[in-house]
Amino acid sequence: MNGFCDGENQPDGRVLVSFSQHQAEGFRSERILFDRVEGMVRFKGNYSATAFREEYRDGEHALPGQELIILDFDDRYSIGEAMLDFAEYVGLIATTRNHLREKHGVVAERFRVILPTDKPIMLEREAFKVMMAEVMRRFVHADPACKNIDRMYYGFPEAEVYYLEGGRLFDWEWFYRAAMVRLHEREWLRRGRERRAESEASLQKSYRTFFLNRFVPGNRNNALFQLACWMRDDGIVELEQLLWELNNGSGCPLDEHEVRRILRRVE
């Protein structure tokens, strides 16, 4: 499968699609000239940008190798805006069956943007969804359901079709790399939060051990001051709250005046 480009990265004008009169069974795949995509959107049946094992449409049977990015737009976004936002790409815009009809109390332009990719999308189901989620971060009005690898679309025989006149094929790998960077950053932040939480839990255990061993009659004032200095040097934001908690739960607390004097000294 060579995608919209052949083995030498030269356009061959073909893209992978699958068709069926049913919603799950009988999805026969073939590679068609992109010029025939206009006919595909007017197909009296259903179509997908994915090929399926045993011609059965679901996530388990979905195969990598998509050559089209398909996005639906259903509300508060116009064809004119889409023509500008996607102007750099090769592709087309086709109205869908609810275009300018009332849906959920709203009459709006409803249409589909179809873009050939510069190479086949060789991603498994979950990775495909991650990539498409990143695409939708860029094109924020797109229907989020379009990120599923087994997404099916209804043909609309009366569709109006507008061609995009850009010269660029869609670079899905750029969006996938951006998604991976975002996920790695999110994981790094999560692990950082976990490390900080573990560190704070360990410190609080150490503070409590110090307090239990040192906060005894005759040494209470000095112990609380030393503990407060330790927490200050560790950068503990909740220093005052933790100090009051330890003092008040000690069974022989210092009075409020003494604790406030210690806090002023620490500051």
Protein backbone atom coordinates (compact mmCIF):
# COMPACT_ATOMS: atom_id res chain seq x y z
CA MET A 1 0.00 0.00 0.00
CA ASN A 2 1.72 3.15 -1.19
CA GLY A 3 -0.67 5.86 -0.01
CA PHE A 4 -1.38 8.98 -2.01
CA CYS A 5 2.30 8.81 -3.01
CA ASP A 6 4.12 5.94 -4.68
CA GLY A 7 7.27 4.26 -3.39
CA GLU A 8 9.42 7.15 -4.61
CA ASN A 9 7.20 9.64 -2.78
CA GLN A 10 5.59 10.78 -6.03
CA PRO A 11 1.78 11.31 -6.03
CA ASP A 12 -0.16 8.47 -7.61
CA GLY A 13 -3.50 10.15 -6.93
CA ARG A 14 -5.08 7.18 -5.12
CA VAL A 15 -6.46 6.79 -1.61
CA LEU A 16 -7.80 3.89 0.43
CA VAL A 17 -11.54 3.75 1.17
CA SER A 18 -14.10 1.12 2.12
CA PHE A 19 -17.82 0.98 1.31
CA SER A 20 -20.88 -0.89 2.48
CA GLN A 21 -24.66 -0.72 2.39
CA HIS A 22 -24.59 -1.83 6.03
CA GLN A 23 -23.25 -0.25 9.22
CA ALA A 24 -20.90 -3.09 10.18
CA GLU A 25 -20.80 -5.92 7.67
CA GLY A 26 -19.56 -5.93 4.11
CA PHE A 27 -17.05 -3.07 4.17
CA ARG A 28 -15.12 -3.78 0.97
CA SER A 29 -11.92 -1.75 0.61
CA GLU A 30 -10.17 -0.46 -2.48
CA ARG A 31 -7.84 2.31 -3.54
CA ILE A 32 -9.52 4.89 -5.74
CA LEU A 33 -8.34 8.00 -7.53
CA PHE A 34 -8.84 11.03 -5.31
CA ASP A 35 -10.94 12.51 -8.10
CA ARG A 36 -13.51 9.78 -7.30
CA VAL A 37 -13.84 10.86 -3.64
CA GLU A 38 -16.54 13.29 -4.76
CA GLY A 39 -18.53 10.25 -5.85
CA MET A 40 -17.76 8.51 -2.55
CA VAL A 41 -19.36 11.27 -0.46
CA ARG A 42 -22.49 10.94 -2.63
CA PHE A 43 -22.55 7.16 -2.26
CA LYS A 44 -25.98 5.76 -1.32
CA GLY A 45 -24.55 3.87 1.62
CA ASN A 46 -21.75 4.16 4.15
CA TYR A 47 -18.02 4.62 3.79
CA SER A 48 -14.86 4.74 5.88
CA ALA A 49 -11.21 5.70 5.46
CA THR A 50 -10.20 2.38 7.08
CA ALA A 51 -9.93 -1.15 5.70
CA PHE A 52 -11.27 -3.95 7.91
CA ARG A 53 -10.36 -7.60 8.31
CA GLU A 54 -13.15 -9.87 7.13
CA GLU A 55 -14.91 -6.70 5.91
CA TYR A 56 -16.35 -6.20 9.41
CA ARG A 57 -16.30 -2.64 10.72
CA ASP A 58 -15.22 -2.29 14.34
CA GLY A 59 -12.09 -1.36 16.25
CA GLU A 60 -10.89 -4.95 16.59
CA HIS A 61 -11.00 -5.52 12.83
CA ALA A 62 -9.56 -2.13 11.80
CA LEU A 63 -6.29 -2.22 9.85
CA PRO A 64 -3.58 0.46 9.74
CA GLY A 65 -2.86 2.22 6.46
CA GLN A 66 -5.46 4.99 6.22
CA GLU A 67 -4.78 7.51 3.44
CA LEU A 68 -7.46 10.05 4.30
CA ILE A 69 -8.12 12.31 7.27
CA ILE A 70 -11.88 12.89 7.57
CA LEU A 71 -13.34 15.52 9.91
CA ASP A 72 -17.00 16.40 10.52
CA PHE A 73 -18.15 19.91 11.45
CA ASP A 74 -21.65 20.25 12.85
CA ASP A 75 -22.12 23.55 14.63
CA ARG A 76 -21.05 27.23 14.69
CA TYR A 77 -18.36 26.82 12.04
CA SER A 78 -18.88 27.74 8.42
CA ILE A 79 -17.68 26.33 5.12
CA GLY A 80 -16.09 29.71 4.45
CA GLU A 81 -14.06 29.46 7.67
CA ALA A 82 -13.04 25.91 6.78
CA MET A 83 -11.94 26.99 3.29
CA LEU A 84 -9.56 29.46 4.96
CA ASP A 85 -8.36 27.14 7.75
CA PHE A 86 -7.62 24.27 5.33
CA ALA A 87 -6.53 26.42 2.38
CA GLU A 88 -2.98 25.06 2.35
CA TYR A 89 -4.12 21.46 1.79
CA VAL A 90 -5.16 19.27 -1.09
CA GLY A 91 -8.67 18.07 -0.27
CA LEU A 92 -12.36 18.74 -0.46
CA ILE A 93 -15.30 19.87 1.62
CA ALA A 94 -18.66 18.12 1.24
CA THR A 95 -21.96 19.01 2.87
CA THR A 96 -23.64 16.27 4.90
CA ARG A 97 -27.27 15.22 5.13
CA ASN A 98 -28.12 17.63 7.98
CA HIS A 99 -26.59 20.67 6.27
CA LEU A 100 -28.76 23.75 7.01
CA ARG A 101 -31.39 21.56 8.65
CA GLU A 102 -32.56 21.86 12.23
CA LYS A 103 -30.71 19.48 14.54
CA HIS A 104 -31.05 19.70 18.33
CA GLY A 105 -32.81 23.03 17.81
CA VAL A 106 -29.97 24.51 15.75
CA VAL A 107 -29.80 25.23 12.03
CA ALA A 108 -26.16 25.30 10.92
CA GLU A 109 -23.79 24.48 8.12
CA ARG A 110 -22.82 20.84 8.50
CA PHE A 111 -20.08 19.42 6.35
CA ARG A 112 -17.10 17.12 6.08
CA VAL A 113 -13.46 17.94 5.32
CA ILE A 114 -11.53 15.16 3.55
CA LEU A 115 -7.74 15.42 3.23
CA PRO A 116 -5.36 12.92 1.59
CA THR A 117 -2.27 12.15 3.69
CA ASP A 118 1.33 12.34 2.51
CA LYS A 119 1.84 8.72 3.56
CA PRO A 120 -0.30 5.87 4.95
CA ILE A 121 -1.19 6.18 8.65
CA MET A 122 0.53 3.14 10.11
CA LEU A 123 -0.91 3.36 13.63
CA GLU A 124 -2.88 0.89 15.72
CA ARG A 125 -6.26 1.82 17.19
CA GLU A 126 -5.20 3.66 20.35
CA ALA A 127 -2.27 5.45 18.71
CA PHE A 128 -4.58 6.53 15.89
CA LYS A 129 -6.97 8.05 18.44
CA VAL A 130 -4.10 9.91 20.11
CA MET A 131 -2.99 11.35 16.76
CA MET A 132 -6.53 12.40 15.83
CA ALA A 133 -7.05 14.04 19.23
CA GLU A 134 -4.04 16.21 18.45
CA VAL A 135 -5.50 17.07 15.03
CA MET A 136 -8.62 18.23 16.86
CA ARG A 137 -6.58 20.43 19.16
CA ARG A 138 -5.66 22.30 15.98
CA PHE A 139 -9.10 22.18 14.34
CA VAL A 140 -11.17 22.69 17.47
CA HIS A 141 -14.61 22.70 15.84
CA ALA A 142 -14.33 19.13 14.55
CA ASP A 143 -16.64 16.43 15.91
CA PRO A 144 -14.59 14.47 18.52
CA ALA A 145 -16.19 11.20 17.38
CA CYS A 146 -14.05 11.43 14.23
CA LYS A 147 -10.96 10.32 16.14
CA ASN A 148 -11.98 6.65 16.22
CA ILE A 149 -10.16 4.43 13.73
CA ASP A 150 -13.37 2.58 12.79
CA ARG A 151 -15.39 5.74 12.16
CA MET A 152 -18.10 5.35 9.50
CA TYR A 153 -19.67 8.14 7.45
CA TYR A 154 -23.06 8.33 5.75
CA GLY A 155 -23.07 9.09 2.06
CA PHE A 156 -25.28 11.97 0.93
CA PRO A 157 -26.36 11.86 -2.74
CA GLU A 158 -27.20 15.59 -2.73
CA ALA A 159 -23.88 16.71 -1.23
CA GLU A 160 -22.38 19.97 -2.41
CA VAL A 161 -18.62 19.60 -2.94
CA TYR A 162 -15.96 22.32 -2.75
CA TYR A 163 -12.34 21.59 -3.61
CA LEU A 164 -9.42 22.94 -1.60
CA GLU A 165 -6.77 24.39 -3.86
CA GLY A 166 -3.70 24.11 -1.65
CA GLY A 167 -0.64 22.11 -2.62
CA ARG A 168 0.08 20.30 0.62
CA LEU A 169 -0.80 16.74 1.59
CA PHE A 170 -1.72 16.23 5.24
CA ASP A 171 1.31 15.37 7.40
CA TRP A 172 -0.25 13.15 10.08
CA GLU A 173 3.16 12.27 11.56
CA TRP A 174 3.66 15.87 12.69
CA PHE A 175 0.46 15.66 14.74
CA TYR A 176 1.41 12.25 16.13
CA ARG A 177 4.84 13.52 17.24
CA ALA A 178 3.22 16.56 18.86
CA ALA A 179 0.79 14.26 20.68
CA MET A 180 3.66 12.10 21.95
CA VAL A 181 5.50 15.15 23.25
CA ARG A 182 2.34 16.28 25.03
CA LEU A 183 1.81 12.84 26.58
CA HIS A 184 5.43 12.61 27.72
CA GLU A 185 5.22 16.07 29.30
CA ARG A 186 2.00 15.09 31.05
CA GLU A 187 3.61 11.89 32.33
CA TRP A 188 6.70 13.79 33.49
CA LEU A 189 4.50 16.24 35.42
CA ARG A 190 2.49 13.38 36.93
CA ARG A 191 5.62 11.61 38.09
CA GLY A 192 6.97 14.89 39.44
CA ARG A 193 3.81 15.37 41.49
CA GLU A 194 4.09 11.82 42.79
CA ARG A 195 7.74 12.33 43.75
CA ARG A 196 6.89 15.58 45.53
CA ALA A 197 4.02 13.92 47.35
CA GLU A 198 6.28 11.04 48.42
CA SER A 199 8.97 13.47 49.51
CA GLU A 200 6.51 15.57 51.50
CA ALA A 201 5.05 12.45 53.14
CA SER A 202 8.55 11.33 54.11
CA LEU A 203 9.42 14.78 55.47
CA GLN A 204 6.22 14.99 57.49
CA LYS A 205 7.00 11.61 59.01
CA SER A 206 10.46 12.89 59.94
CA TYR A 207 8.97 16.08 61.42
CA ARG A 208 6.54 14.10 63.53
CA THR A 209 9.28 11.74 64.76
CA PHE A 210 11.46 14.73 65.73
CA PHE A 211 8.52 16.38 67.47
CA LEU A 212 7.56 13.28 69.46
CA ASN A 213 11.15 12.77 70.64
CA ARG A 214 11.98 16.40 71.48
CA PHE A 215 8.72 18.10 72.49
CA VAL A 216 8.87 17.31 76.21
CA PRO A 217 8.48 19.54 79.30
CA GLY A 218 11.51 21.77 79.68
CA ASN A 219 12.33 21.60 75.95
CA ARG A 220 9.02 22.40 74.25
CA ASN A 221 9.82 25.95 73.17
CA ASN A 222 13.26 25.04 71.81
CA ALA A 223 11.96 21.89 70.05
CA LEU A 224 9.16 23.76 68.32
CA PHE A 225 11.54 26.52 67.20
CA GLN A 226 14.07 24.02 65.80
CA LEU A 227 11.30 22.14 63.99
CA ALA A 228 9.92 25.37 62.50
CA CYS A 229 13.38 26.34 61.23
CA TRP A 230 13.81 22.92 59.67
CA MET A 231 10.46 23.18 57.85
CA ARG A 232 11.26 26.73 56.74
CA ASP A 233 14.57 25.60 55.23
CA ASP A 234 12.78 22.73 53.46
CA GLY A 235 10.42 25.26 51.88
CA ILE A 236 7.26 23.80 53.48
CA VAL A 237 4.39 26.09 52.51
CA GLU A 238 2.07 24.72 55.21
CA LEU A 239 4.66 25.38 57.96
CA GLU A 240 2.36 27.37 60.23
CA GLN A 241 -0.58 25.00 59.84
CA LEU A 242 1.56 21.93 60.55
CA LEU A 243 3.20 23.57 63.55
CA TRP A 244 -0.17 24.43 65.11
CA GLU A 245 -1.40 20.89 64.41
CA LEU A 246 1.57 19.27 66.14
CA ASN A 247 1.46 21.65 69.11
CA ASN A 248 -2.29 21.36 69.68
CA GLY A 249 -2.22 17.57 69.42
CA SER A 250 0.71 17.11 71.77
CA GLY A 251 -1.23 16.75 75.03
CA CYS A 252 0.87 19.51 76.63
CA PRO A 253 0.77 22.36 74.10
CA LEU A 254 2.46 25.71 74.37
CA ASP A 255 0.02 28.59 74.70
CA GLU A 256 -0.94 30.61 71.63
CA HIS A 257 1.29 33.54 72.58
CA GLU A 258 4.40 31.31 72.71
CA VAL A 259 3.66 29.66 69.37
CA ARG A 260 3.14 33.01 67.65
CA ARG A 261 6.40 34.30 69.13
CA ILE A 262 8.22 31.25 67.70
CA LEU A 263 6.67 31.85 64.28
CA ARG A 264 7.81 35.50 64.33
CA ARG A 265 11.35 34.40 65.22
CA VAL A 266 11.39 31.89 62.36
CA GLU A 267 10.19 34.52 59.89
